[in-house]
Amino acid sequence: MSEPGTTETSSGAKPRFTVRSGDDPTYDVDPGKGWILFAGIMLGIVGVLNVIFGIAAVDDSRFFVRDVEFVISDLQTWGWFLIVVGAAQLLTSVGVFRMSEAARWAGIAFASINIVVQFLVLPAHPGWALMVFFVDVIIIFGLLTYGGRDRYSLRG
């Protein structure tokens, strides 16, 4: 006699794999896993980019200076701020992958901070700042909607 969900071959041997239907109650669905994966990856990428831009600002690079007036006139201070925020975003992205509730809220906070940062960078690179702004909005959406421990209650 075969077990439910398995079939026997003509020789009586069980196959090496089990065929399950989509409505099998043992099929475990993780709602929002893609959103969490996306939010963690994007938070890490934005963190790396902020570290790179911070190093460029500390190094007195011409990357930020295009006859543009900045709110913060000291590019060194701005660079160190970007390095600190970028490093914190990198650490937070690791915590998001480890499903830490504290990292989830820190990720939401750092993505919100990065939205403000992108508005400050807007005069130098408007296209880039708007793209990163929208990525931050999607990060916040993913972490707020699917990042919590109660996301399993979202099953249909």
C-alpha atoms as a PDB file:
ATOM      1  CA  MET A   1       0.000   0.000   0.000  1.00  0.00           C
ATOM      2  CA  SER A   2       1.419   3.389  -0.895  1.00  0.00           C
ATOM      3  CA  GLU A   3       1.373   6.544   1.210  1.00  0.00           C
ATOM      4  CA  PRO A   4      -0.893   9.440   0.214  1.00  0.00           C
ATOM      5  CA  GLY A   5       0.785  11.664  -2.362  1.00  0.00           C
ATOM      6  CA  THR A   6       3.181   8.961  -3.605  1.00  0.00           C
ATOM      7  CA  THR A   7       2.839   6.491  -6.443  1.00  0.00           C
ATOM      8  CA  GLU A   8       4.416   3.132  -6.950  1.00  0.00           C
ATOM      9  CA  THR A   9       6.070   2.073 -10.169  1.00  0.00           C
ATOM     10  CA  SER A  10       5.187  -1.216 -11.965  1.00  0.00           C
ATOM     11  CA  SER A  11       8.066  -2.941 -10.188  1.00  0.00           C
ATOM     12  CA  GLY A  12       6.654  -1.925  -6.795  1.00  0.00           C
ATOM     13  CA  ALA A  13       9.514   0.502  -5.969  1.00  0.00           C
ATOM     14  CA  LYS A  14       8.694   3.983  -4.765  1.00  0.00           C
ATOM     15  CA  PRO A  15       9.851   6.887  -6.955  1.00  0.00           C
ATOM     16  CA  ARG A  16      12.629   9.179  -5.770  1.00  0.00           C
ATOM     17  CA  PHE A  17      10.378  12.209  -5.509  1.00  0.00           C
ATOM     18  CA  THR A  18       6.897  12.990  -4.259  1.00  0.00           C
ATOM     19  CA  VAL A  19       4.298  14.644  -6.431  1.00  0.00           C
ATOM     20  CA  ARG A  20       2.095  17.066  -4.505  1.00  0.00           C
ATOM     21  CA  SER A  21      -0.793  19.118  -5.693  1.00  0.00           C
ATOM     22  CA  GLY A  22      -0.887  22.874  -5.202  1.00  0.00           C
ATOM     23  CA  ASP A  23      -3.642  22.640  -2.623  1.00  0.00           C
ATOM     24  CA  ASP A  24      -1.778  20.083  -0.499  1.00  0.00           C
ATOM     25  CA  PRO A  25      -2.019  21.278   3.145  1.00  0.00           C
ATOM     26  CA  THR A  26       1.661  20.495   3.712  1.00  0.00           C
ATOM     27  CA  TYR A  27       2.671  23.046   1.074  1.00  0.00           C
ATOM     28  CA  ASP A  28       4.175  25.935   3.068  1.00  0.00           C
ATOM     29  CA  VAL A  29       3.714  29.388   1.588  1.00  0.00           C
ATOM     30  CA  ASP A  30       5.859  32.228   2.889  1.00  0.00           C
ATOM     31  CA  PRO A  31       3.940  35.385   1.999  1.00  0.00           C
ATOM     32  CA  GLY A  32       6.095  38.353   1.207  1.00  0.00           C
ATOM     33  CA  LYS A  33       9.396  36.480   1.047  1.00  0.00           C
ATOM     34  CA  GLY A  34      10.176  38.175  -2.261  1.00  0.00           C
ATOM     35  CA  TRP A  35       9.465  41.604  -0.795  1.00  0.00           C
ATOM     36  CA  ILE A  36      11.755  40.941   2.166  1.00  0.00           C
ATOM     37  CA  LEU A  37      14.476  39.644  -0.153  1.00  0.00           C
ATOM     38  CA  PHE A  38      14.118  42.719  -2.364  1.00  0.00           C
ATOM     39  CA  ALA A  39      14.111  45.112   0.597  1.00  0.00           C
ATOM     40  CA  GLY A  40      17.216  43.509   2.132  1.00  0.00           C
ATOM     41  CA  ILE A  41      19.147  43.503  -1.148  1.00  0.00           C
ATOM     42  CA  MET A  42      18.199  47.078  -2.017  1.00  0.00           C
ATOM     43  CA  LEU A  43      19.003  48.301   1.487  1.00  0.00           C
ATOM     44  CA  GLY A  44      22.462  46.738   1.115  1.00  0.00           C
ATOM     45  CA  ILE A  45      22.993  48.257  -2.355  1.00  0.00           C
ATOM     46  CA  VAL A  46      21.882  51.708  -1.192  1.00  0.00           C
ATOM     47  CA  GLY A  47      24.224  51.348   1.796  1.00  0.00           C
ATOM     48  CA  VAL A  48      27.194  50.512  -0.447  1.00  0.00           C
ATOM     49  CA  LEU A  49      26.382  53.458  -2.717  1.00  0.00           C
ATOM     50  CA  ASN A  50      26.142  55.824   0.246  1.00  0.00           C
ATOM     51  CA  VAL A  51      29.548  54.637   1.496  1.00  0.00           C
ATOM     52  CA  ILE A  52      31.042  55.206  -1.976  1.00  0.00           C
ATOM     53  CA  PHE A  53      29.471  58.659  -2.270  1.00  0.00           C
ATOM     54  CA  GLY A  54      30.640  59.475   1.252  1.00  0.00           C
ATOM     55  CA  ILE A  55      34.210  58.522   0.391  1.00  0.00           C
ATOM     56  CA  ALA A  56      33.966  60.688  -2.736  1.00  0.00           C
ATOM     57  CA  ALA A  57      32.756  63.643  -0.654  1.00  0.00           C
ATOM     58  CA  VAL A  58      35.462  63.198   2.013  1.00  0.00           C
ATOM     59  CA  ASP A  59      38.075  63.008  -0.730  1.00  0.00           C
ATOM     60  CA  ASP A  60      36.957  66.441  -2.065  1.00  0.00           C
ATOM     61  CA  SER A  61      35.895  64.852  -5.310  1.00  0.00           C
ATOM     62  CA  ARG A  62      34.317  66.909  -8.054  1.00  0.00           C
ATOM     63  CA  PHE A  63      31.426  64.432  -8.157  1.00  0.00           C
ATOM     64  CA  PHE A  64      29.153  66.582  -6.001  1.00  0.00           C
ATOM     65  CA  VAL A  65      30.311  70.019  -7.112  1.00  0.00           C
ATOM     66  CA  ARG A  66      28.641  71.311 -10.272  1.00  0.00           C
ATOM     67  CA  ASP A  67      28.050  74.973  -9.473  1.00  0.00           C
ATOM     68  CA  VAL A  68      25.397  73.815  -7.018  1.00  0.00           C
ATOM     69  CA  GLU A  69      24.660  75.311  -3.629  1.00  0.00           C
ATOM     70  CA  PHE A  70      24.211  72.685  -0.937  1.00  0.00           C
ATOM     71  CA  VAL A  71      22.408  72.975   2.370  1.00  0.00           C
ATOM     72  CA  ILE A  72      25.558  71.625   4.021  1.00  0.00           C
ATOM     73  CA  SER A  73      28.475  73.676   2.733  1.00  0.00           C
ATOM     74  CA  ASP A  74      31.156  71.471   4.283  1.00  0.00           C
ATOM     75  CA  LEU A  75      31.572  68.494   1.952  1.00  0.00           C
ATOM     76  CA  GLN A  76      33.789  66.676   4.496  1.00  0.00           C
ATOM     77  CA  THR A  77      30.988  66.583   7.075  1.00  0.00           C
ATOM     78  CA  TRP A  78      28.509  65.473   4.437  1.00  0.00           C
ATOM     79  CA  GLY A  79      30.867  62.677   3.378  1.00  0.00           C
ATOM     80  CA  TRP A  80      31.287  61.323   6.886  1.00  0.00           C
ATOM     81  CA  PHE A  81      27.539  61.462   7.409  1.00  0.00           C
ATOM     82  CA  LEU A  82      27.010  59.412   4.231  1.00  0.00           C
ATOM     83  CA  ILE A  83      29.643  56.881   5.294  1.00  0.00           C
ATOM     84  CA  VAL A  84      27.999  56.383   8.697  1.00  0.00           C
ATOM     85  CA  VAL A  85      24.494  56.093   7.221  1.00  0.00           C
ATOM     86  CA  GLY A  86      25.728  53.723   4.504  1.00  0.00           C
ATOM     87  CA  ALA A  87      27.509  51.455   6.984  1.00  0.00           C
ATOM     88  CA  ALA A  88      24.400  51.368   9.174  1.00  0.00           C
ATOM     89  CA  GLN A  89      22.290  50.466   6.138  1.00  0.00           C
ATOM     90  CA  LEU A  90      24.663  47.608   5.301  1.00  0.00           C
ATOM     91  CA  LEU A  91      24.453  46.203   8.826  1.00  0.00           C
ATOM     92  CA  THR A  92      20.696  46.592   8.839  1.00  0.00           C
ATOM     93  CA  SER A  93      20.350  44.685   5.559  1.00  0.00           C
ATOM     94  CA  VAL A  94      22.096  41.719   7.184  1.00  0.00           C
ATOM     95  CA  GLY A  95      19.637  41.914  10.064  1.00  0.00           C
ATOM     96  CA  VAL A  96      16.703  41.997   7.632  1.00  0.00           C
ATOM     97  CA  PHE A  97      17.926  38.720   6.113  1.00  0.00           C
ATOM     98  CA  ARG A  98      18.128  37.225   9.610  1.00  0.00           C
ATOM     99  CA  MET A  99      14.472  38.195  10.164  1.00  0.00           C
ATOM    100  CA  SER A 100      15.265  40.454  13.108  1.00  0.00           C
ATOM    101  CA  GLU A 101      12.338  42.620  14.177  1.00  0.00           C
ATOM    102  CA  ALA A 102      14.754  45.352  15.342  1.00  0.00           C
ATOM    103  CA  ALA A 103      16.491  45.295  11.948  1.00  0.00           C
ATOM    104  CA  ARG A 104      13.126  45.612  10.241  1.00  0.00           C
ATOM    105  CA  TRP A 105      12.369  48.846  12.100  1.00  0.00           C
ATOM    106  CA  ALA A 106      15.950  50.075  11.675  1.00  0.00           C
ATOM    107  CA  GLY A 107      15.642  49.376   7.934  1.00  0.00           C
ATOM    108  CA  ILE A 108      12.478  51.441   7.791  1.00  0.00           C
ATOM    109  CA  ALA A 109      14.223  54.251   9.696  1.00  0.00           C
ATOM    110  CA  PHE A 110      17.360  54.189   7.526  1.00  0.00           C
ATOM    111  CA  ALA A 111      15.341  54.102   4.304  1.00  0.00           C
ATOM    112  CA  SER A 112      13.387  57.112   5.610  1.00  0.00           C
ATOM    113  CA  ILE A 113      16.641  58.907   6.450  1.00  0.00           C
ATOM    114  CA  ASN A 114      17.916  58.091   2.981  1.00  0.00           C
ATOM    115  CA  ILE A 115      14.819  59.718   1.458  1.00  0.00           C
ATOM    116  CA  VAL A 116      15.824  62.975   3.171  1.00  0.00           C
ATOM    117  CA  VAL A 117      19.438  62.462   2.061  1.00  0.00           C
ATOM    118  CA  GLN A 118      18.302  62.078  -1.553  1.00  0.00           C
ATOM    119  CA  PHE A 119      16.392  65.351  -1.355  1.00  0.00           C
ATOM    120  CA  LEU A 120      19.617  67.029  -0.208  1.00  0.00           C
ATOM    121  CA  VAL A 121      21.557  65.447  -3.120  1.00  0.00           C
ATOM    122  CA  LEU A 122      18.811  66.403  -5.598  1.00  0.00           C
ATOM    123  CA  PRO A 123      20.520  69.587  -6.901  1.00  0.00           C
ATOM    124  CA  ALA A 124      23.668  67.693  -7.897  1.00  0.00           C
ATOM    125  CA  HIS A 125      22.108  64.587  -9.482  1.00  0.00           C
ATOM    126  CA  PRO A 126      18.326  64.901  -9.876  1.00  0.00           C
ATOM    127  CA  GLY A 127      17.702  61.734 -11.905  1.00  0.00           C
ATOM    128  CA  TRP A 128      19.759  59.549  -9.605  1.00  0.00           C
ATOM    129  CA  ALA A 129      18.252  61.053  -6.465  1.00  0.00           C
ATOM    130  CA  LEU A 130      14.700  60.426  -7.691  1.00  0.00           C
ATOM    131  CA  MET A 131      15.440  56.808  -8.605  1.00  0.00           C
ATOM    132  CA  VAL A 132      16.980  56.088  -5.193  1.00  0.00           C
ATOM    133  CA  PHE A 133      14.070  57.940  -3.560  1.00  0.00           C
ATOM    134  CA  PHE A 134      11.586  55.542  -5.161  1.00  0.00           C
ATOM    135  CA  VAL A 135      13.703  52.523  -4.227  1.00  0.00           C
ATOM    136  CA  ASP A 136      13.597  53.734  -0.616  1.00  0.00           C
ATOM    137  CA  VAL A 137       9.810  54.014  -0.805  1.00  0.00           C
ATOM    138  CA  ILE A 138       9.598  50.399  -2.043  1.00  0.00           C
ATOM    139  CA  ILE A 139      11.960  49.259   0.740  1.00  0.00           C
ATOM    140  CA  ILE A 140       9.723  50.911   3.316  1.00  0.00           C
ATOM    141  CA  PHE A 141       6.620  49.328   1.759  1.00  0.00           C
ATOM    142  CA  GLY A 142       8.152  45.849   1.752  1.00  0.00           C
ATOM    143  CA  LEU A 143       9.396  46.047   5.329  1.00  0.00           C
ATOM    144  CA  LEU A 144       6.181  47.576   6.690  1.00  0.00           C
ATOM    145  CA  THR A 145       3.848  45.196   4.880  1.00  0.00           C
ATOM    146  CA  TYR A 146       5.716  41.888   4.956  1.00  0.00           C
ATOM    147  CA  GLY A 147       8.590  42.317   7.376  1.00  0.00           C
ATOM    148  CA  GLY A 148       6.873  41.454  10.616  1.00  0.00           C
ATOM    149  CA  ARG A 149       6.579  38.165  12.384  1.00  0.00           C
ATOM    150  CA  ASP A 150       2.831  38.188  11.801  1.00  0.00           C
ATOM    151  CA  ARG A 151       3.175  37.980   8.015  1.00  0.00           C
ATOM    152  CA  TYR A 152       2.098  34.334   8.118  1.00  0.00           C
ATOM    153  CA  SER A 153      -1.383  35.595   9.030  1.00  0.00           C
ATOM    154  CA  LEU A 154      -1.532  37.081   5.512  1.00  0.00           C
ATOM    155  CA  ARG A 155      -2.047  33.644   3.920  1.00  0.00           C
ATOM    156  CA  GLY A 156      -5.058  33.550   1.688  1.00  0.00           C
END
